[in-house]
Amino acid sequence: MTFIESTRQTIQQTNFIPYVQGQPAFIEMARAGYLATIWLRFKGKLNCTHPSKTSYTPAPLAPYTLINRLQVVINGNQTVWSTSGVGAYLQNITNAINYVMDQPGNSAAPFSVGTAVSAAGADNDVIFTLKLNVSINDRDTIGLIQLQNDATALKVQVEAAGPGALMTDTDITSTLSGVWEILTETFTIPAEPENRPVLAFLHQVIEQGYPINNNGVNSQLLQRGNTYRRLINFLQLNGQPADALERLSLTYNQTTTHYDMFGSSFKVLQRERYGRDLPAGAYVWDLTYQGIPNMPGNRRDLIDSSRISELMQRVTVADSAVLGANNNRLSIVSDQLVRINPSV
């Protein structure tokens, strides 16, 4: 028998993580089965007070701005996931065609964000969900984490911002209460060792920030050692998302450039691939794409950075773009495979 014939999917609610402003809050996952997916759903109430205003203006990419840092960590030192809420949101959009989890619908359970303000204080729902794909996708076993052993302790941790992160208004008195609901997908471990998957890679999603120092060319030296599946660039100038990159390139070993594109070409490919426009400031090198987002048929276009001496990205910021003072930043969400079994 194979693994898919010998295992059983399990989807279960786990404990809540309380909403705590400005400091990490976490839970440890139960040691059962192979972990494939974590869904993080925030359910809260936002109360907004102002003498005359009747609504607030949402911050760009709110409500995902409520998460400063979202982490999944094994044994306190092996990071599986470490992004902002916005970084996790961008990962979610690029894992799907026609992503709709950021839109209101007939049910408020997936997504609902109110903007009401009153002199007496108006209550608003704040509800949104993020999916952390621990394994690379819904089909493959690559990235599964075996929780069912004494040597593995896995923690999910959220460092949340205050309610002001949800809005651009600075003169509204606001309070926020809520919880993070955790839903997990695991798979049972087959009784026969020969039917268990070979866990050769850890799937890692990491967000790092790089300063934008000037108009024109800015370079980012990317970390080597792992295999890159996707690089999501997110540009902020003067603290705001900005579609201001005229050109991007990826160069190996200083002289080999397989990828060199106008910023406008990214927008064309992104709409074709994901069925919608990505948020302003997003430019994605999607090395997994072979007709369906995040469902590769093979590893043809992935970049094994352990086999090259240097991996450099260069981005050209438009001369017409207006930079701020110390608030110009390029965030890069890297989706990587980390080899943990050298023999495979």
C-alpha atoms as a PDB file:
ATOM      1  CA  MET A   1       0.000   0.000   0.000  1.00  0.00           C
ATOM      2  CA  THR A   2       0.995   3.645  -0.432  1.00  0.00           C
ATOM      3  CA  PHE A   3       0.750   6.534   1.992  1.00  0.00           C
ATOM      4  CA  ILE A   4      -2.448   7.859   0.435  1.00  0.00           C
ATOM      5  CA  GLU A   5      -4.050   4.444   0.849  1.00  0.00           C
ATOM      6  CA  SER A   6      -2.842   4.054   4.439  1.00  0.00           C
ATOM      7  CA  THR A   7      -3.557   7.441   5.990  1.00  0.00           C
ATOM      8  CA  ARG A   8      -6.654   9.401   6.963  1.00  0.00           C
ATOM      9  CA  GLN A   9      -7.246  13.143   6.824  1.00  0.00           C
ATOM     10  CA  THR A  10      -8.262  14.812  10.097  1.00  0.00           C
ATOM     11  CA  ILE A  11      -9.525  18.414  10.320  1.00  0.00           C
ATOM     12  CA  GLN A  12     -10.078  19.691  13.841  1.00  0.00           C
ATOM     13  CA  GLN A  13     -10.498  22.871  15.838  1.00  0.00           C
ATOM     14  CA  THR A  14      -7.794  23.368  18.448  1.00  0.00           C
ATOM     15  CA  ASN A  15      -7.396  25.835  21.297  1.00  0.00           C
ATOM     16  CA  PHE A  16      -7.769  29.597  20.910  1.00  0.00           C
ATOM     17  CA  ILE A  17      -4.995  32.167  21.027  1.00  0.00           C
ATOM     18  CA  PRO A  18      -6.150  35.304  22.865  1.00  0.00           C
ATOM     19  CA  TYR A  19      -5.806  38.667  21.151  1.00  0.00           C
ATOM     20  CA  VAL A  20      -3.057  40.524  23.007  1.00  0.00           C
ATOM     21  CA  GLN A  21      -1.793  43.858  21.735  1.00  0.00           C
ATOM     22  CA  GLY A  22       1.939  44.336  21.328  1.00  0.00           C
ATOM     23  CA  GLN A  23       3.267  41.067  22.691  1.00  0.00           C
ATOM     24  CA  PRO A  24       3.442  37.469  21.452  1.00  0.00           C
ATOM     25  CA  ALA A  25       0.665  35.018  22.302  1.00  0.00           C
ATOM     26  CA  PHE A  26       0.934  31.354  21.345  1.00  0.00           C
ATOM     27  CA  ILE A  27      -0.289  27.781  21.640  1.00  0.00           C
ATOM     28  CA  GLU A  28       1.546  24.482  21.279  1.00  0.00           C
ATOM     29  CA  MET A  29       0.050  22.005  18.840  1.00  0.00           C
ATOM     30  CA  ALA A  30      -1.074  18.547  19.876  1.00  0.00           C
ATOM     31  CA  ARG A  31       1.422  15.804  19.060  1.00  0.00           C
ATOM     32  CA  ALA A  32      -0.691  13.814  16.633  1.00  0.00           C
ATOM     33  CA  GLY A  33      -0.149  12.776  13.014  1.00  0.00           C
ATOM     34  CA  TYR A  34       1.468  14.710  10.187  1.00  0.00           C
ATOM     35  CA  LEU A  35       0.661  18.433  10.142  1.00  0.00           C
ATOM     36  CA  ALA A  36      -0.308  19.769   6.696  1.00  0.00           C
ATOM     37  CA  THR A  37      -2.266  23.007   7.161  1.00  0.00           C
ATOM     38  CA  ILE A  38      -3.084  25.615   9.800  1.00  0.00           C
ATOM     39  CA  TRP A  39      -5.961  28.062   9.399  1.00  0.00           C
ATOM     40  CA  LEU A  40      -5.835  31.147  11.613  1.00  0.00           C
ATOM     41  CA  ARG A  41      -9.176  32.951  11.942  1.00  0.00           C
ATOM     42  CA  PHE A  42      -9.529  36.188  13.856  1.00  0.00           C
ATOM     43  CA  LYS A  43     -12.935  36.938  15.333  1.00  0.00           C
ATOM     44  CA  GLY A  44     -13.186  40.242  17.131  1.00  0.00           C
ATOM     45  CA  LYS A  45     -15.145  43.396  17.932  1.00  0.00           C
ATOM     46  CA  LEU A  46     -13.824  46.858  17.178  1.00  0.00           C
ATOM     47  CA  ASN A  47     -15.432  49.777  18.996  1.00  0.00           C
ATOM     48  CA  CYS A  48     -14.878  53.217  17.458  1.00  0.00           C
ATOM     49  CA  THR A  49     -15.745  56.593  19.002  1.00  0.00           C
ATOM     50  CA  HIS A  50     -15.558  60.121  17.581  1.00  0.00           C
ATOM     51  CA  PRO A  51     -17.692  63.218  18.220  1.00  0.00           C
ATOM     52  CA  SER A  52     -18.641  63.733  14.572  1.00  0.00           C
ATOM     53  CA  LYS A  53     -17.262  61.018  12.296  1.00  0.00           C
ATOM     54  CA  THR A  54     -19.528  58.169  11.143  1.00  0.00           C
ATOM     55  CA  SER A  55     -16.876  55.919   9.596  1.00  0.00           C
ATOM     56  CA  TYR A  56     -13.142  55.395   9.523  1.00  0.00           C
ATOM     57  CA  THR A  57     -10.850  54.902   6.540  1.00  0.00           C
ATOM     58  CA  PRO A  58      -9.304  51.398   6.481  1.00  0.00           C
ATOM     59  CA  ALA A  59      -5.536  51.236   6.304  1.00  0.00           C
ATOM     60  CA  PRO A  60      -4.100  49.793   3.084  1.00  0.00           C
ATOM     61  CA  LEU A  61      -4.348  45.982   3.260  1.00  0.00           C
ATOM     62  CA  ALA A  62      -6.301  46.031   6.518  1.00  0.00           C
ATOM     63  CA  PRO A  63      -7.354  43.882   8.359  1.00  0.00           C
ATOM     64  CA  TYR A  64      -4.149  41.899   7.701  1.00  0.00           C
ATOM     65  CA  THR A  65      -2.190  44.815   9.162  1.00  0.00           C
ATOM     66  CA  LEU A  66      -3.435  43.630  12.577  1.00  0.00           C
ATOM     67  CA  ILE A  67      -0.649  41.002  12.640  1.00  0.00           C
ATOM     68  CA  ASN A  68       2.860  42.320  13.165  1.00  0.00           C
ATOM     69  CA  ARG A  69       4.430  38.862  13.086  1.00  0.00           C
ATOM     70  CA  LEU A  70       2.997  35.369  12.613  1.00  0.00           C
ATOM     71  CA  GLN A  71       5.266  32.433  13.362  1.00  0.00           C
ATOM     72  CA  VAL A  72       5.276  28.643  13.342  1.00  0.00           C
ATOM     73  CA  VAL A  73       8.333  27.284  15.150  1.00  0.00           C
ATOM     74  CA  ILE A  74       9.585  23.761  15.854  1.00  0.00           C
ATOM     75  CA  ASN A  75      11.443  23.112  19.124  1.00  0.00           C
ATOM     76  CA  GLY A  76      12.031  26.806  19.671  1.00  0.00           C
ATOM     77  CA  ASN A  77      14.692  27.158  16.963  1.00  0.00           C
ATOM     78  CA  GLN A  78      13.467  25.855  13.588  1.00  0.00           C
ATOM     79  CA  THR A  79      11.235  28.407  11.902  1.00  0.00           C
ATOM     80  CA  VAL A  80       8.628  27.064   9.493  1.00  0.00           C
ATOM     81  CA  TRP A  81       6.698  30.294   8.993  1.00  0.00           C
ATOM     82  CA  SER A  82       7.588  33.883   9.877  1.00  0.00           C
ATOM     83  CA  THR A  83       5.724  36.688   8.122  1.00  0.00           C
ATOM     84  CA  SER A  84       3.655  39.739   8.826  1.00  0.00           C
ATOM     85  CA  GLY A  85      -0.098  39.453   8.383  1.00  0.00           C
ATOM     86  CA  VAL A  86       0.256  41.199   5.021  1.00  0.00           C
ATOM     87  CA  GLY A  87       3.000  38.768   4.002  1.00  0.00           C
ATOM     88  CA  ALA A  88       0.795  35.793   4.889  1.00  0.00           C
ATOM     89  CA  TYR A  89      -2.067  37.361   2.925  1.00  0.00           C
ATOM     90  CA  LEU A  90       0.122  37.755  -0.167  1.00  0.00           C
ATOM     91  CA  GLN A  91       1.174  34.107   0.156  1.00  0.00           C
ATOM     92  CA  ASN A  92      -2.506  33.116   0.308  1.00  0.00           C
ATOM     93  CA  ILE A  93      -3.457  35.094  -2.807  1.00  0.00           C
ATOM     94  CA  THR A  94      -0.644  33.588  -4.873  1.00  0.00           C
ATOM     95  CA  ASN A  95      -1.551  30.044  -3.813  1.00  0.00           C
ATOM     96  CA  ALA A  96      -4.946  30.249  -5.540  1.00  0.00           C
ATOM     97  CA  ILE A  97      -6.923  31.250  -8.610  1.00  0.00           C
ATOM     98  CA  ASN A  98      -9.567  33.921  -7.962  1.00  0.00           C
ATOM     99  CA  TYR A  99      -8.841  34.178  -4.229  1.00  0.00           C
ATOM    100  CA  VAL A 100     -12.036  35.322  -2.481  1.00  0.00           C
ATOM    101  CA  MET A 101     -11.229  35.043   1.219  1.00  0.00           C
ATOM    102  CA  ASP A 102     -10.701  38.820   1.433  1.00  0.00           C
ATOM    103  CA  GLN A 103     -14.230  39.637   0.258  1.00  0.00           C
ATOM    104  CA  PRO A 104     -17.570  39.799   2.093  1.00  0.00           C
ATOM    105  CA  GLY A 105     -20.231  37.283   1.092  1.00  0.00           C
ATOM    106  CA  ASN A 106     -23.532  35.820   2.202  1.00  0.00           C
ATOM    107  CA  SER A 107     -21.851  34.533   5.350  1.00  0.00           C
ATOM    108  CA  ALA A 108     -19.811  36.773   7.629  1.00  0.00           C
ATOM    109  CA  ALA A 109     -17.819  33.805   8.930  1.00  0.00           C
ATOM    110  CA  PRO A 110     -14.939  33.987   6.396  1.00  0.00           C
ATOM    111  CA  PHE A 111     -14.579  37.769   6.189  1.00  0.00           C
ATOM    112  CA  SER A 112     -16.317  40.800   7.662  1.00  0.00           C
ATOM    113  CA  VAL A 113     -14.858  44.177   8.598  1.00  0.00           C
ATOM    114  CA  GLY A 114     -17.086  47.051   9.693  1.00  0.00           C
ATOM    115  CA  THR A 115     -16.071  50.720   9.579  1.00  0.00           C
ATOM    116  CA  ALA A 116     -18.772  52.430  11.665  1.00  0.00           C
ATOM    117  CA  VAL A 117     -17.958  55.257  14.102  1.00  0.00           C
ATOM    118  CA  SER A 118     -20.289  57.185  16.420  1.00  0.00           C
ATOM    119  CA  ALA A 119     -20.198  59.579  19.344  1.00  0.00           C
ATOM    120  CA  ALA A 120     -21.535  56.871  21.626  1.00  0.00           C
ATOM    121  CA  GLY A 121     -19.180  54.216  20.248  1.00  0.00           C
ATOM    122  CA  ALA A 122     -20.020  51.881  17.353  1.00  0.00           C
ATOM    123  CA  ASP A 123     -19.241  48.150  17.381  1.00  0.00           C
ATOM    124  CA  ASN A 124     -17.810  46.524  14.252  1.00  0.00           C
ATOM    125  CA  ASP A 125     -17.062  42.941  13.334  1.00  0.00           C
ATOM    126  CA  VAL A 126     -13.442  42.213  12.478  1.00  0.00           C
ATOM    127  CA  ILE A 127     -13.272  38.719  10.994  1.00  0.00           C
ATOM    128  CA  PHE A 128     -10.664  37.319   8.621  1.00  0.00           C
ATOM    129  CA  THR A 129      -8.807  34.073   7.959  1.00  0.00           C
ATOM    130  CA  LEU A 130      -5.289  33.188   6.871  1.00  0.00           C
ATOM    131  CA  LYS A 131      -4.138  29.775   5.667  1.00  0.00           C
ATOM    132  CA  LEU A 132      -0.641  28.581   6.516  1.00  0.00           C
ATOM    133  CA  ASN A 133       0.244  25.845   4.053  1.00  0.00           C
ATOM    134  CA  VAL A 134       2.752  23.842   6.087  1.00  0.00           C
ATOM    135  CA  SER A 135       2.991  21.304   3.272  1.00  0.00           C
ATOM    136  CA  ILE A 136       3.559  22.911  -0.099  1.00  0.00           C
ATOM    137  CA  ASN A 137      -0.006  22.416  -1.325  1.00  0.00           C
ATOM    138  CA  ASP A 138      -3.196  20.405  -0.805  1.00  0.00           C
ATOM    139  CA  ARG A 139      -1.904  17.445  -2.820  1.00  0.00           C
ATOM    140  CA  ASP A 140       1.733  16.711  -2.069  1.00  0.00           C
ATOM    141  CA  THR A 141       3.408  15.343   1.058  1.00  0.00           C
ATOM    142  CA  ILE A 142       6.408  17.672   0.726  1.00  0.00           C
ATOM    143  CA  GLY A 143       6.657  19.741   3.895  1.00  0.00           C
ATOM    144  CA  LEU A 144       4.503  17.564   6.160  1.00  0.00           C
ATOM    145  CA  ILE A 145       5.676  17.752   9.787  1.00  0.00           C
ATOM    146  CA  GLN A 146       5.475  14.661  11.971  1.00  0.00           C
ATOM    147  CA  LEU A 147       4.044  15.892  15.251  1.00  0.00           C
ATOM    148  CA  GLN A 148       3.467  12.463  16.737  1.00  0.00           C
ATOM    149  CA  ASN A 149       6.798  12.001  18.510  1.00  0.00           C
ATOM    150  CA  ASP A 150       8.392  13.187  21.736  1.00  0.00           C
ATOM    151  CA  ALA A 151      11.126  15.087  19.915  1.00  0.00           C
ATOM    152  CA  THR A 152       8.844  17.594  18.145  1.00  0.00           C
ATOM    153  CA  ALA A 153       7.167  20.536  19.864  1.00  0.00           C
ATOM    154  CA  LEU A 154       5.469  22.948  17.461  1.00  0.00           C
ATOM    155  CA  LYS A 155       4.276  26.402  18.468  1.00  0.00           C
ATOM    156  CA  VAL A 156       1.992  28.855  16.642  1.00  0.00           C
ATOM    157  CA  GLN A 157       2.628  32.427  17.768  1.00  0.00           C
ATOM    158  CA  VAL A 158       0.909  35.723  16.920  1.00  0.00           C
ATOM    159  CA  GLU A 159       2.225  39.170  17.744  1.00  0.00           C
ATOM    160  CA  ALA A 160      -0.672  41.541  17.166  1.00  0.00           C
ATOM    161  CA  ALA A 161      -0.844  45.278  16.637  1.00  0.00           C
ATOM    162  CA  GLY A 162      -3.347  47.601  18.250  1.00  0.00           C
ATOM    163  CA  PRO A 163      -6.653  48.643  16.664  1.00  0.00           C
ATOM    164  CA  GLY A 164      -5.032  51.736  15.166  1.00  0.00           C
ATOM    165  CA  ALA A 165      -3.322  49.452  12.631  1.00  0.00           C
ATOM    166  CA  LEU A 166      -6.716  48.889  11.005  1.00  0.00           C
ATOM    167  CA  MET A 167      -7.284  52.526  10.018  1.00  0.00           C
ATOM    168  CA  THR A 168      -5.594  55.650   8.727  1.00  0.00           C
ATOM    169  CA  ASP A 169      -7.530  57.935  11.096  1.00  0.00           C
ATOM    170  CA  THR A 170      -5.533  59.124  14.070  1.00  0.00           C
ATOM    171  CA  ASP A 171      -8.302  60.963  15.961  1.00  0.00           C
ATOM    172  CA  ILE A 172     -10.648  58.012  16.608  1.00  0.00           C
ATOM    173  CA  THR A 173     -10.772  56.323  20.003  1.00  0.00           C
ATOM    174  CA  SER A 174     -10.840  52.597  19.376  1.00  0.00           C
ATOM    175  CA  THR A 175     -10.728  49.376  21.359  1.00  0.00           C
ATOM    176  CA  LEU A 176     -10.451  45.827  20.061  1.00  0.00           C
ATOM    177  CA  SER A 177     -11.189  42.471  21.662  1.00  0.00           C
ATOM    178  CA  GLY A 178     -11.138  39.021  20.109  1.00  0.00           C
ATOM    179  CA  VAL A 179      -9.509  35.643  19.695  1.00  0.00           C
ATOM    180  CA  TRP A 180      -7.528  33.745  17.089  1.00  0.00           C
ATOM    181  CA  GLU A 181      -9.255  30.463  16.246  1.00  0.00           C
ATOM    182  CA  ILE A 182      -7.003  27.642  15.094  1.00  0.00           C
ATOM    183  CA  LEU A 183      -8.120  24.932  12.662  1.00  0.00           C
ATOM    184  CA  THR A 184      -5.660  22.223  11.613  1.00  0.00           C
ATOM    185  CA  GLU A 185      -5.422  19.595   8.913  1.00  0.00           C
ATOM    186  CA  THR A 186      -3.372  16.535   9.839  1.00  0.00           C
ATOM    187  CA  PHE A 187      -2.940  13.030   8.448  1.00  0.00           C
ATOM    188  CA  THR A 188      -2.674   9.870  10.490  1.00  0.00           C
ATOM    189  CA  ILE A 189       0.603   7.949  10.544  1.00  0.00           C
ATOM    190  CA  PRO A 190       0.361   4.557   8.812  1.00  0.00           C
ATOM    191  CA  ALA A 191       1.072   1.571  11.048  1.00  0.00           C
ATOM    192  CA  GLU A 192       3.575   0.103   8.578  1.00  0.00           C
ATOM    193  CA  PRO A 193       6.795   2.147   8.250  1.00  0.00           C
ATOM    194  CA  GLU A 194       7.089   1.384   4.524  1.00  0.00           C
ATOM    195  CA  ASN A 195       3.785   3.223   3.924  1.00  0.00           C
ATOM    196  CA  ARG A 196       4.951   6.451   5.550  1.00  0.00           C
ATOM    197  CA  PRO A 197       6.111   9.401   3.413  1.00  0.00           C
ATOM    198  CA  VAL A 198       9.786  10.259   3.160  1.00  0.00           C
ATOM    199  CA  LEU A 199      10.139  13.622   4.919  1.00  0.00           C
ATOM    200  CA  ALA A 200      13.120  15.008   3.034  1.00  0.00           C
ATOM    201  CA  PHE A 201      12.205  18.731   3.047  1.00  0.00           C
ATOM    202  CA  LEU A 202      10.823  21.343   5.380  1.00  0.00           C
ATOM    203  CA  HIS A 203       8.585  23.909   3.693  1.00  0.00           C
ATOM    204  CA  GLN A 204       9.581  27.372   4.922  1.00  0.00           C
ATOM    205  CA  VAL A 205       7.852  30.730   4.343  1.00  0.00           C
ATOM    206  CA  ILE A 206       9.922  33.677   5.575  1.00  0.00           C
ATOM    207  CA  GLU A 207       9.492  37.434   5.169  1.00  0.00           C
ATOM    208  CA  GLN A 208      12.484  39.769   5.271  1.00  0.00           C
ATOM    209  CA  GLY A 209      12.743  43.522   4.756  1.00  0.00           C
ATOM    210  CA  TYR A 210      15.257  45.479   2.691  1.00  0.00           C
ATOM    211  CA  PRO A 211      15.641  49.266   2.621  1.00  0.00           C
ATOM    212  CA  ILE A 212      14.977  51.251  -0.539  1.00  0.00           C
ATOM    213  CA  ASN A 213      17.656  53.899  -0.492  1.00  0.00           C
ATOM    214  CA  ASN A 214      17.075  55.794  -3.713  1.00  0.00           C
ATOM    215  CA  ASN A 215      15.245  56.090  -6.987  1.00  0.00           C
ATOM    216  CA  GLY A 216      16.761  53.926  -9.697  1.00  0.00           C
ATOM    217  CA  VAL A 217      18.448  50.577  -9.038  1.00  0.00           C
ATOM    218  CA  ASN A 218      18.373  48.964  -5.588  1.00  0.00           C
ATOM    219  CA  SER A 219      19.924  45.517  -5.034  1.00  0.00           C
ATOM    220  CA  GLN A 220      18.996  42.713  -2.643  1.00  0.00           C
ATOM    221  CA  LEU A 221      21.471  39.894  -2.003  1.00  0.00           C
ATOM    222  CA  LEU A 222      19.285  36.858  -1.295  1.00  0.00           C
ATOM    223  CA  GLN A 223      20.153  34.133   1.169  1.00  0.00           C
ATOM    224  CA  ARG A 224      21.689  30.980  -0.266  1.00  0.00           C
ATOM    225  CA  GLY A 225      21.395  27.344   0.758  1.00  0.00           C
ATOM    226  CA  ASN A 226      17.756  26.397   0.168  1.00  0.00           C
ATOM    227  CA  THR A 227      15.527  25.861  -2.872  1.00  0.00           C
ATOM    228  CA  TYR A 228      13.358  28.848  -3.829  1.00  0.00           C
ATOM    229  CA  ARG A 229       9.785  28.180  -4.958  1.00  0.00           C
ATOM    230  CA  ARG A 230       8.478  31.745  -4.970  1.00  0.00           C
ATOM    231  CA  LEU A 231       9.596  35.277  -4.137  1.00  0.00           C
ATOM    232  CA  ILE A 232       6.875  37.822  -3.381  1.00  0.00           C
ATOM    233  CA  ASN A 233       8.127  41.407  -3.483  1.00  0.00           C
ATOM    234  CA  PHE A 234       6.045  44.037  -1.704  1.00  0.00           C
ATOM    235  CA  LEU A 235       7.122  47.665  -2.138  1.00  0.00           C
ATOM    236  CA  GLN A 236       6.246  50.465   0.271  1.00  0.00           C
ATOM    237  CA  LEU A 237       7.367  54.033  -0.372  1.00  0.00           C
ATOM    238  CA  ASN A 238       6.738  56.773   2.154  1.00  0.00           C
ATOM    239  CA  GLY A 239       4.999  54.096   4.236  1.00  0.00           C
ATOM    240  CA  GLN A 240       2.420  53.241   1.551  1.00  0.00           C
ATOM    241  CA  PRO A 241       2.115  50.351  -0.964  1.00  0.00           C
ATOM    242  CA  ALA A 242       3.455  51.554  -4.299  1.00  0.00           C
ATOM    243  CA  ASP A 243       3.378  50.253  -7.875  1.00  0.00           C
ATOM    244  CA  ALA A 244       6.639  52.044  -8.599  1.00  0.00           C
ATOM    245  CA  LEU A 245       9.022  49.351  -9.832  1.00  0.00           C
ATOM    246  CA  GLU A 246       9.911  49.848 -13.475  1.00  0.00           C
ATOM    247  CA  ARG A 247      12.062  46.720 -13.788  1.00  0.00           C
ATOM    248  CA  LEU A 248      13.114  43.650 -11.774  1.00  0.00           C
ATOM    249  CA  SER A 249      15.761  41.016 -12.433  1.00  0.00           C
ATOM    250  CA  LEU A 250      17.230  37.905 -10.816  1.00  0.00           C
ATOM    251  CA  THR A 251      20.895  37.159 -11.474  1.00  0.00           C
ATOM    252  CA  TYR A 252      22.898  34.027 -10.605  1.00  0.00           C
ATOM    253  CA  ASN A 253      26.642  34.057 -10.061  1.00  0.00           C
ATOM    254  CA  GLN A 254      26.869  37.740 -11.077  1.00  0.00           C
ATOM    255  CA  THR A 255      26.515  37.113 -14.823  1.00  0.00           C
ATOM    256  CA  THR A 256      23.571  34.766 -15.526  1.00  0.00           C
ATOM    257  CA  THR A 257      20.159  36.451 -15.717  1.00  0.00           C
ATOM    258  CA  HIS A 258      17.234  34.168 -16.511  1.00  0.00           C
ATOM    259  CA  TYR A 259      14.569  36.604 -15.275  1.00  0.00           C
ATOM    260  CA  ASP A 260      14.451  40.270 -16.304  1.00  0.00           C
ATOM    261  CA  MET A 261      11.049  41.963 -16.620  1.00  0.00           C
ATOM    262  CA  PHE A 262       9.288  45.320 -16.645  1.00  0.00           C
ATOM    263  CA  GLY A 263       7.099  45.987 -13.634  1.00  0.00           C
ATOM    264  CA  SER A 264       4.125  46.264 -15.990  1.00  0.00           C
ATOM    265  CA  SER A 265       4.820  42.721 -17.246  1.00  0.00           C
ATOM    266  CA  PHE A 266       4.464  41.417 -13.706  1.00  0.00           C
ATOM    267  CA  LYS A 267       0.993  42.932 -13.531  1.00  0.00           C
ATOM    268  CA  VAL A 268       0.026  41.193 -16.785  1.00  0.00           C
ATOM    269  CA  LEU A 269       1.281  37.768 -15.685  1.00  0.00           C
ATOM    270  CA  GLN A 270      -0.184  38.097 -12.201  1.00  0.00           C
ATOM    271  CA  ARG A 271      -3.688  38.783 -13.482  1.00  0.00           C
ATOM    272  CA  GLU A 272      -3.373  35.856 -15.915  1.00  0.00           C
ATOM    273  CA  ARG A 273      -2.061  33.453 -13.257  1.00  0.00           C
ATOM    274  CA  TYR A 274      -4.162  34.372 -10.226  1.00  0.00           C
ATOM    275  CA  GLY A 275      -7.358  35.554 -11.905  1.00  0.00           C
ATOM    276  CA  ARG A 276      -7.206  38.957 -10.245  1.00  0.00           C
ATOM    277  CA  ASP A 277      -4.893  41.887  -9.690  1.00  0.00           C
ATOM    278  CA  LEU A 278      -2.609  41.635  -6.696  1.00  0.00           C
ATOM    279  CA  PRO A 279      -2.417  44.554  -4.249  1.00  0.00           C
ATOM    280  CA  ALA A 280      -0.399  47.610  -5.168  1.00  0.00           C
ATOM    281  CA  GLY A 281       3.293  47.042  -4.535  1.00  0.00           C
ATOM    282  CA  ALA A 282       3.240  43.276  -5.196  1.00  0.00           C
ATOM    283  CA  TYR A 283       5.619  41.753  -7.773  1.00  0.00           C
ATOM    284  CA  VAL A 284       5.929  37.955  -7.732  1.00  0.00           C
ATOM    285  CA  TRP A 285       8.600  35.620  -9.094  1.00  0.00           C
ATOM    286  CA  ASP A 286       6.444  32.461  -9.136  1.00  0.00           C
ATOM    287  CA  LEU A 287       8.814  29.601  -9.900  1.00  0.00           C
ATOM    288  CA  THR A 288       6.162  26.971  -9.112  1.00  0.00           C
ATOM    289  CA  TYR A 289       3.728  28.111 -11.787  1.00  0.00           C
ATOM    290  CA  GLN A 290       3.013  25.549 -14.499  1.00  0.00           C
ATOM    291  CA  GLY A 291      -0.583  26.422 -15.361  1.00  0.00           C
ATOM    292  CA  ILE A 292      -2.107  26.209 -11.848  1.00  0.00           C
ATOM    293  CA  PRO A 293      -0.886  28.290  -8.889  1.00  0.00           C
ATOM    294  CA  ASN A 294       1.157  26.293  -6.354  1.00  0.00           C
ATOM    295  CA  MET A 295       0.469  22.943  -8.015  1.00  0.00           C
ATOM    296  CA  PRO A 296       3.706  22.171  -9.855  1.00  0.00           C
ATOM    297  CA  GLY A 297       4.100  19.129 -11.999  1.00  0.00           C
ATOM    298  CA  ASN A 298       7.852  19.039 -11.349  1.00  0.00           C
ATOM    299  CA  ARG A 299      10.742  21.121 -10.012  1.00  0.00           C
ATOM    300  CA  ARG A 300      11.723  22.487 -13.427  1.00  0.00           C
ATOM    301  CA  ASP A 301      11.968  26.190 -12.577  1.00  0.00           C
ATOM    302  CA  LEU A 302      12.833  26.113  -8.877  1.00  0.00           C
ATOM    303  CA  ILE A 303      16.141  27.723  -7.883  1.00  0.00           C
ATOM    304  CA  ASP A 304      18.442  25.495  -5.843  1.00  0.00           C
ATOM    305  CA  SER A 305      20.553  28.251  -4.337  1.00  0.00           C
ATOM    306  CA  SER A 306      23.017  25.781  -2.814  1.00  0.00           C
ATOM    307  CA  ARG A 307      24.332  25.169  -6.340  1.00  0.00           C
ATOM    308  CA  ILE A 308      25.178  28.792  -7.097  1.00  0.00           C
ATOM    309  CA  SER A 309      27.606  31.231  -5.504  1.00  0.00           C
ATOM    310  CA  GLU A 310      25.333  34.290  -5.490  1.00  0.00           C
ATOM    311  CA  LEU A 311      21.659  35.151  -6.013  1.00  0.00           C
ATOM    312  CA  MET A 312      21.007  38.842  -6.540  1.00  0.00           C
ATOM    313  CA  GLN A 313      17.759  40.682  -7.194  1.00  0.00           C
ATOM    314  CA  ARG A 314      17.795  44.180  -8.642  1.00  0.00           C
ATOM    315  CA  VAL A 315      14.752  46.440  -8.690  1.00  0.00           C
ATOM    316  CA  THR A 316      14.489  49.799 -10.412  1.00  0.00           C
ATOM    317  CA  VAL A 317      12.370  52.388  -8.609  1.00  0.00           C
ATOM    318  CA  ALA A 318      10.800  54.924 -10.978  1.00  0.00           C
ATOM    319  CA  ASP A 319      12.420  58.337 -11.013  1.00  0.00           C
ATOM    320  CA  SER A 320       8.960  59.873 -10.554  1.00  0.00           C
ATOM    321  CA  ALA A 321       8.335  57.952  -7.309  1.00  0.00           C
ATOM    322  CA  VAL A 322       8.328  60.045  -4.134  1.00  0.00           C
ATOM    323  CA  LEU A 323      10.366  58.523  -1.318  1.00  0.00           C
ATOM    324  CA  GLY A 324       9.803  59.305   2.333  1.00  0.00           C
ATOM    325  CA  ALA A 325      12.253  59.594   5.203  1.00  0.00           C
ATOM    326  CA  ASN A 326      13.292  56.170   6.528  1.00  0.00           C
ATOM    327  CA  ASN A 327       9.993  54.537   5.537  1.00  0.00           C
ATOM    328  CA  ASN A 328      10.851  53.082   2.116  1.00  0.00           C
ATOM    329  CA  ARG A 329      10.996  49.311   2.208  1.00  0.00           C
ATOM    330  CA  LEU A 330      10.915  46.240   0.014  1.00  0.00           C
ATOM    331  CA  SER A 331       9.580  43.186   1.832  1.00  0.00           C
ATOM    332  CA  ILE A 332      10.319  39.794   0.277  1.00  0.00           C
ATOM    333  CA  VAL A 333       8.263  36.739   1.234  1.00  0.00           C
ATOM    334  CA  SER A 334      10.330  33.730   0.213  1.00  0.00           C
ATOM    335  CA  ASP A 335       8.741  30.291  -0.175  1.00  0.00           C
ATOM    336  CA  GLN A 336      11.537  27.739   0.148  1.00  0.00           C
ATOM    337  CA  LEU A 337      12.334  24.079   0.579  1.00  0.00           C
ATOM    338  CA  VAL A 338      14.879  23.278   3.290  1.00  0.00           C
ATOM    339  CA  ARG A 339      16.529  19.883   2.911  1.00  0.00           C
ATOM    340  CA  ILE A 340      16.441  17.991   6.236  1.00  0.00           C
ATOM    341  CA  ASN A 341      17.337  14.528   4.930  1.00  0.00           C
ATOM    342  CA  PRO A 342      20.579  14.741   2.892  1.00  0.00           C
ATOM    343  CA  SER A 343      20.294  11.112   1.791  1.00  0.00           C
ATOM    344  CA  VAL A 344      17.131  11.761  -0.265  1.00  0.00           C
END
